[in-house]
Amino acid sequence: MIFIKKRVIVFKKHSIMKQKLLLEMLSTTIQELRANGQWGTAHVYRSARNSFSTFNNNKDIPFYKLDPNLLKSFEIYLRQRKCSWNTVSTYMKVLRAIYNRAVDNGYALYVPRLFKHVHTSVCADQRRALEVSDIGNLLCETEKASSCGSLPIELQTTKNIFALMFLLRGIPFVDLAYLRKADIQGNTLKYRRRKTGRLLTVMLTPDAIKLIRIVAKTKPESPYLFPFLSSPEGTEAAYHEYQSSLRMFNYRLSRLKKYMKTAAHLSSYTIRHTWATMAYYCEIHPGIISEAMGHSSIKVTETYLKPFQNEKIDNANSQVISYVKEYASIV
């Protein structure tokens, strides 16, 4: 009887609230993001919306039906379709952002810990970095002019870009693509991270300057440093050019892997994780690594390093066990 009373109270509260549906509000938000030139975020929101719509048989729902059971069912649905945990997390964060916006605008009641039992964090259980031997060989081969003849020209260019990204402290491909000629002043590169807006200053090594001169083949009138984009920055056309360049870069990296004879998966993310990992192996403090990479917080950096921190802990455990066994054999 008490349960029924609670349900009646909730129903009455919802009946007097402004009406807005989940998918409807997602569509409105996507339009706003596109109008503001936030093409990447709009793309993520659209993917999340499409997935939830398919999951719910293309039926929209009022916000009061967005409950823990429905969210858990959506999570299971995504995993059954082979979505990674990070994709699940991204989609859940989109739903959470829309839900919070609905609460702020009076379209939904605030439900504490609504998303507590679904995955909203970033997984760090997969090693994405190259071994030191792989990245070392890549840099050495890139320096040799004779290596140019051993690869198709498009893969040689891809290898040069891959090496340059490492020399620029693991710069993300999106930031590399949008670099402008004006961002280089002497032997210094200054640019803002597109994800966080943080201003980064990178001292260019002689190797980096050499690779920039090789890769930077743009028209004199182009403001961009590299030939990935031609449309004005902030336009949808520029975003599509970036997406196309990224897909081509990742495709060519998959081909380059065969020539490099490495077991590691190569993608635009690999080089960023590799730089962070090599810095960690050099015992550089995570705070410095975070600053160097322009992360929004040190927690992001720790996500990169977690698999290797676990490895160090395992090695420490092995050392302790070996020490104890050695001592026992002496006694």
Protein backbone atom coordinates (compact mmCIF):
# COMPACT_ATOMS: atom_id res chain seq x y z
CA MET A 1 0.00 0.00 0.00
CA ILE A 2 2.86 2.34 0.79
CA PHE A 3 4.44 1.49 -2.58
CA ILE A 4 1.21 2.43 -4.37
CA LYS A 5 1.11 5.79 -2.60
CA LYS A 6 4.67 6.53 -3.71
CA ARG A 7 3.83 5.68 -7.28
CA VAL A 8 0.83 8.03 -7.20
CA ILE A 9 2.98 10.87 -5.88
CA VAL A 10 5.57 10.33 -8.62
CA PHE A 11 2.84 10.24 -11.25
CA LYS A 12 1.37 13.51 -10.05
CA LYS A 13 4.77 15.17 -10.07
CA HIS A 14 5.39 14.07 -13.63
CA SER A 15 1.92 15.10 -14.75
CA ILE A 16 2.56 18.75 -13.88
CA MET A 17 6.04 18.89 -15.46
CA LYS A 18 6.75 20.23 -18.94
CA GLN A 19 6.70 17.40 -21.46
CA LYS A 20 9.82 16.51 -23.41
CA LEU A 21 10.93 13.16 -24.81
CA LEU A 22 14.43 11.70 -24.65
CA LEU A 23 15.12 11.19 -28.36
CA GLU A 24 13.43 14.50 -29.15
CA MET A 25 15.74 16.35 -26.77
CA LEU A 26 18.76 14.50 -28.15
CA SER A 27 17.82 15.64 -31.67
CA THR A 28 17.43 19.23 -30.50
CA THR A 29 20.82 19.14 -28.78
CA ILE A 30 22.47 17.68 -31.88
CA GLN A 31 21.08 20.56 -33.96
CA GLU A 32 22.44 23.07 -31.43
CA LEU A 33 25.88 21.44 -31.47
CA ARG A 34 25.99 21.56 -35.25
CA ALA A 35 24.91 25.20 -35.23
CA ASN A 36 27.82 25.95 -32.88
CA GLY A 37 30.30 24.15 -35.13
CA GLN A 38 30.84 21.31 -32.63
CA TRP A 39 30.78 18.69 -35.36
CA GLY A 40 32.67 16.01 -33.45
CA THR A 41 30.45 16.21 -30.37
CA ALA A 42 27.36 16.25 -32.59
CA HIS A 43 28.61 13.09 -34.30
CA VAL A 44 29.01 11.31 -30.94
CA TYR A 45 25.55 12.42 -29.80
CA ARG A 46 24.00 11.25 -33.05
CA SER A 47 25.65 7.83 -32.72
CA ALA A 48 24.38 7.51 -29.14
CA ARG A 49 20.88 8.58 -30.20
CA ASN A 50 20.78 6.12 -33.10
CA SER A 51 21.93 3.25 -30.87
CA PHE A 52 19.33 3.98 -28.19
CA SER A 53 16.61 4.43 -30.80
CA THR A 54 17.41 1.04 -32.35
CA PHE A 55 17.56 -0.56 -28.90
CA ASN A 56 14.10 0.82 -28.05
CA ASN A 57 12.51 -0.18 -31.39
CA ASN A 58 12.56 3.43 -32.63
CA LYS A 59 10.16 4.50 -29.89
CA ASP A 60 10.73 7.73 -27.97
CA ILE A 61 10.18 7.80 -24.20
CA PRO A 62 9.46 10.44 -21.55
CA PHE A 63 12.28 11.00 -19.09
CA TYR A 64 10.50 9.37 -16.16
CA LYS A 65 10.85 6.03 -17.99
CA LEU A 66 14.63 6.39 -18.05
CA ASP A 67 15.31 4.22 -15.00
CA PRO A 68 18.20 1.99 -13.83
CA ASN A 69 16.64 -1.14 -15.33
CA LEU A 70 16.29 0.43 -18.77
CA LEU A 71 19.85 1.78 -18.64
CA LYS A 72 21.23 -1.62 -17.64
CA SER A 73 19.28 -3.26 -20.49
CA PHE A 74 20.78 -0.73 -22.92
CA GLU A 75 24.27 -1.51 -21.60
CA ILE A 76 23.72 -5.25 -22.10
CA TYR A 77 22.36 -4.56 -25.59
CA LEU A 78 25.50 -2.61 -26.55
CA ARG A 79 27.84 -5.30 -25.21
CA GLN A 80 25.95 -8.01 -27.09
CA ARG A 81 26.64 -6.03 -30.25
CA LYS A 82 30.37 -6.13 -29.53
CA CYS A 83 30.64 -2.48 -28.47
CA SER A 84 33.73 -1.81 -26.37
CA TRP A 85 33.37 -0.72 -22.76
CA ASN A 86 34.66 2.71 -23.76
CA THR A 87 31.89 3.02 -26.36
CA VAL A 88 29.34 1.97 -23.73
CA SER A 89 30.78 4.62 -21.41
CA THR A 90 30.58 7.31 -24.09
CA TYR A 91 26.93 6.58 -24.89
CA MET A 92 25.97 6.47 -21.21
CA LYS A 93 27.67 9.82 -20.65
CA VAL A 94 25.64 11.28 -23.52
CA LEU A 95 22.41 10.01 -21.95
CA ARG A 96 23.51 11.35 -18.56
CA ALA A 97 24.28 14.78 -20.02
CA ILE A 98 20.87 14.92 -21.71
CA TYR A 99 19.14 13.74 -18.53
CA ASN A 100 20.91 16.42 -16.46
CA ARG A 101 19.91 19.03 -19.01
CA ALA A 102 16.31 17.82 -18.81
CA VAL A 103 16.41 18.14 -15.02
CA ASP A 104 17.78 21.68 -15.29
CA ASN A 105 15.00 22.65 -17.71
CA GLY A 106 12.19 21.07 -15.71
CA TYR A 107 11.56 18.16 -18.07
CA ALA A 108 12.61 15.45 -15.61
CA LEU A 109 12.76 14.83 -11.88
CA TYR A 110 16.18 14.42 -10.33
CA VAL A 111 16.82 10.78 -9.41
CA PRO A 112 19.96 10.33 -7.26
CA ARG A 113 22.54 7.86 -8.59
CA LEU A 114 20.47 7.05 -11.66
CA PHE A 115 23.58 6.02 -13.63
CA LYS A 116 25.41 4.34 -10.73
CA HIS A 117 25.03 0.78 -12.01
CA VAL A 118 26.04 1.32 -15.64
CA HIS A 119 29.52 1.80 -17.05
CA THR A 120 30.57 5.47 -17.32
CA SER A 121 34.33 5.27 -16.78
CA VAL A 122 37.24 4.74 -19.18
CA CYS A 123 38.78 1.28 -19.34
CA ALA A 124 42.57 1.07 -19.23
CA ASP A 125 42.97 -2.70 -19.33
CA GLN A 126 44.26 -2.79 -22.90
CA ARG A 127 47.84 -1.96 -23.80
CA ARG A 128 47.88 0.43 -26.74
CA ALA A 129 51.53 1.47 -26.65
CA LEU A 130 54.38 0.19 -28.80
CA GLU A 131 57.38 -1.52 -27.27
CA VAL A 132 60.45 0.67 -26.94
CA SER A 133 62.18 -1.42 -29.63
CA ASP A 134 59.35 -0.76 -32.10
CA ILE A 135 59.26 3.00 -31.63
CA GLY A 136 63.07 3.13 -31.53
CA ASN A 137 63.38 1.30 -34.85
CA LEU A 138 60.69 3.51 -36.36
CA LEU A 139 62.54 6.70 -35.45
CA CYS A 140 65.89 5.35 -36.64
CA GLU A 141 64.48 4.17 -39.97
CA THR A 142 62.69 7.48 -40.50
CA GLU A 143 66.02 9.30 -40.19
CA LYS A 144 67.60 7.18 -42.94
CA ALA A 145 67.11 8.55 -46.42
CA SER A 146 67.76 5.07 -47.84
CA SER A 147 64.60 3.74 -46.17
CA CYS A 148 62.44 5.78 -48.52
CA GLY A 149 62.87 3.23 -51.29
CA SER A 150 61.66 0.26 -49.22
CA LEU A 151 58.08 1.50 -48.80
CA PRO A 152 55.34 2.72 -51.13
CA ILE A 153 55.36 6.52 -51.08
CA GLU A 154 52.02 6.78 -49.24
CA LEU A 155 53.26 4.47 -46.47
CA GLN A 156 56.55 6.36 -46.20
CA THR A 157 54.51 9.54 -45.69
CA THR A 158 52.36 7.75 -43.10
CA LYS A 159 55.48 6.60 -41.27
CA ASN A 160 56.87 10.14 -41.29
CA ILE A 161 53.61 11.50 -39.84
CA PHE A 162 53.54 8.74 -37.21
CA ALA A 163 57.11 9.53 -36.15
CA LEU A 164 56.42 13.27 -36.14
CA MET A 165 53.43 12.80 -33.83
CA PHE A 166 55.73 11.05 -31.35
CA LEU A 167 58.34 13.81 -31.57
CA LEU A 168 55.59 16.36 -30.85
CA ARG A 169 54.87 14.69 -27.49
CA GLY A 170 52.24 12.32 -28.84
CA ILE A 171 50.14 15.05 -30.45
CA PRO A 172 46.60 13.83 -31.30
CA PHE A 173 45.87 13.51 -35.01
CA VAL A 174 43.04 16.04 -34.78
CA ASP A 175 45.41 18.68 -33.39
CA LEU A 176 48.03 17.83 -36.02
CA ALA A 177 45.47 18.15 -38.83
CA TYR A 178 44.34 21.61 -37.69
CA LEU A 179 47.83 23.06 -37.10
CA ARG A 180 48.40 26.35 -38.89
CA LYS A 181 51.58 27.75 -40.36
CA ALA A 182 51.35 30.63 -37.89
CA ASP A 183 51.59 28.13 -35.01
CA ILE A 184 55.31 27.70 -35.68
CA GLN A 185 57.57 30.49 -34.48
CA GLY A 186 61.23 29.69 -34.99
CA ASN A 187 61.88 26.34 -33.34
CA THR A 188 58.73 26.51 -31.21
CA LEU A 189 55.26 25.16 -31.88
CA LYS A 190 52.33 26.75 -30.03
CA TYR A 191 48.82 25.38 -30.40
CA ARG A 192 45.61 24.82 -28.45
CA ARG A 193 44.26 21.35 -27.86
CA ARG A 194 40.93 21.06 -29.60
CA LYS A 195 39.58 18.78 -26.88
CA THR A 196 40.53 20.78 -23.78
CA GLY A 197 41.43 24.23 -25.16
CA ARG A 198 44.76 24.16 -23.30
CA LEU A 199 47.65 26.07 -24.85
CA LEU A 200 50.71 23.89 -25.41
CA THR A 201 54.23 24.97 -26.29
CA VAL A 202 56.55 22.39 -27.86
CA MET A 203 60.24 22.96 -28.53
CA LEU A 204 60.96 21.46 -31.94
CA THR A 205 63.91 19.09 -32.14
CA PRO A 206 66.02 18.99 -35.33
CA ASP A 207 64.37 15.67 -36.25
CA ALA A 208 60.90 17.20 -35.83
CA ILE A 209 61.81 20.22 -37.96
CA LYS A 210 63.13 17.91 -40.68
CA LEU A 211 59.92 15.85 -40.74
CA ILE A 212 57.72 18.95 -40.74
CA ARG A 213 59.51 20.18 -43.87
CA ILE A 214 58.96 16.80 -45.52
CA VAL A 215 55.28 16.42 -44.62
CA ALA A 216 54.16 20.08 -44.84
CA LYS A 217 53.34 20.24 -48.53
CA THR A 218 50.44 22.68 -48.66
CA LYS A 219 49.65 25.45 -51.11
CA PRO A 220 51.19 28.85 -50.27
CA GLU A 221 47.74 30.39 -49.77
CA SER A 222 46.62 27.67 -47.33
CA PRO A 223 46.70 28.66 -43.63
CA TYR A 224 47.17 25.02 -42.63
CA LEU A 225 50.59 23.54 -41.95
CA PHE A 226 49.77 20.07 -43.32
CA PRO A 227 47.70 18.96 -46.34
CA PHE A 228 44.85 17.30 -44.44
CA LEU A 229 42.35 20.17 -44.70
CA SER A 230 41.42 22.75 -47.30
CA SER A 231 38.09 24.16 -46.06
CA PRO A 232 37.88 27.00 -43.51
CA GLU A 233 38.28 25.97 -39.89
CA GLY A 234 35.02 25.52 -38.01
CA THR A 235 33.00 24.48 -41.06
CA GLU A 236 31.30 21.14 -41.52
CA ALA A 237 33.34 20.62 -44.68
CA ALA A 238 36.58 20.91 -42.68
CA TYR A 239 35.26 18.39 -40.15
CA HIS A 240 34.45 15.89 -42.92
CA GLU A 241 37.92 16.42 -44.42
CA TYR A 242 39.45 15.68 -41.02
CA GLN A 243 37.34 12.51 -40.64
CA SER A 244 38.35 11.35 -44.11
CA SER A 245 42.05 12.02 -43.41
CA LEU A 246 41.83 10.17 -40.09
CA ARG A 247 40.25 7.10 -41.70
CA MET A 248 42.90 7.06 -44.42
CA PHE A 249 45.69 7.49 -41.85
CA ASN A 250 44.43 4.56 -39.77
CA TYR A 251 43.99 2.41 -42.87
CA ARG A 252 47.55 3.08 -43.99
CA LEU A 253 48.83 2.38 -40.47
CA SER A 254 47.25 -1.07 -40.70
CA ARG A 255 49.25 -1.62 -43.90
CA LEU A 256 52.41 -0.14 -42.38
CA LYS A 257 52.21 -2.64 -39.52
CA LYS A 258 53.12 -5.48 -41.90
CA TYR A 259 56.32 -3.71 -42.90
CA MET A 260 57.23 -2.86 -39.30
CA LYS A 261 56.81 -6.52 -38.26
CA THR A 262 55.22 -5.59 -34.96
CA ALA A 263 52.47 -7.44 -33.11
CA ALA A 264 51.08 -4.18 -31.73
CA HIS A 265 47.92 -2.65 -33.13
CA LEU A 266 48.63 0.62 -34.92
CA SER A 267 46.18 3.51 -34.86
CA SER A 268 46.24 7.26 -34.39
CA TYR A 269 45.91 6.63 -30.63
CA THR A 270 48.92 4.31 -30.48
CA ILE A 271 51.55 7.02 -30.71
CA ARG A 272 49.95 9.09 -27.93
CA HIS A 273 49.86 6.12 -25.57
CA THR A 274 53.41 5.24 -26.60
CA TRP A 275 54.79 8.68 -25.73
CA ALA A 276 53.09 8.61 -22.33
CA THR A 277 54.38 5.10 -21.65
CA MET A 278 57.96 5.90 -22.66
CA ALA A 279 57.85 8.96 -20.39
CA TYR A 280 56.61 6.74 -17.57
CA TYR A 281 59.44 4.26 -18.18
CA CYS A 282 61.85 7.21 -17.95
CA GLU A 283 60.36 7.80 -14.46
CA ILE A 284 58.97 11.20 -15.39
CA HIS A 285 56.32 12.23 -12.87
CA PRO A 286 52.72 11.69 -14.07
CA GLY A 287 52.02 15.36 -13.36
CA ILE A 288 54.69 16.40 -15.87
CA ILE A 289 53.39 13.85 -18.39
CA SER A 290 49.90 15.28 -17.93
CA GLU A 291 51.14 18.83 -18.59
CA ALA A 292 53.18 17.73 -21.61
CA MET A 293 50.17 16.04 -23.21
CA GLY A 294 47.68 18.77 -22.38
CA HIS A 295 45.36 16.49 -20.43
CA SER A 296 42.44 18.08 -18.60
CA SER A 297 43.58 16.41 -15.37
CA ILE A 298 46.15 13.96 -14.08
CA LYS A 299 43.37 11.36 -13.81
CA VAL A 300 43.31 11.16 -17.62
CA THR A 301 47.06 10.52 -17.63
CA GLU A 302 46.69 7.81 -15.00
CA THR A 303 44.20 6.07 -17.29
CA TYR A 304 46.90 5.89 -19.97
CA LEU A 305 49.47 4.55 -17.51
CA LYS A 306 47.36 2.13 -15.48
CA PRO A 307 48.22 -1.05 -17.45
CA PHE A 308 51.92 -0.33 -17.02
CA GLN A 309 51.57 0.58 -13.36
CA ASN A 310 50.00 -2.84 -12.86
CA GLU A 311 52.95 -4.37 -14.70
CA LYS A 312 55.40 -2.65 -12.36
CA ILE A 313 53.43 -3.91 -9.36
CA ASP A 314 53.54 -7.46 -10.72
CA ASN A 315 57.30 -7.16 -11.23
CA ALA A 316 57.68 -5.87 -7.69
CA ASN A 317 55.76 -8.89 -6.40
CA SER A 318 58.06 -11.22 -8.35
CA GLN A 319 61.11 -9.49 -6.88
CA VAL A 320 59.76 -9.88 -3.34
CA ILE A 321 59.02 -13.58 -3.85
CA SER A 322 62.47 -14.18 -5.39
CA TYR A 323 64.13 -12.35 -2.50
CA VAL A 324 62.31 -14.47 0.10
CA LYS A 325 63.09 -17.73 -1.70
CA GLU A 326 66.74 -16.77 -2.10
CA TYR A 327 66.98 -15.93 1.60
CA ALA A 328 65.35 -19.24 2.56
CA SER A 329 67.80 -21.21 0.43
CA ILE A 330 70.75 -19.52 2.13
CA VAL A 331 69.42 -20.20 5.63
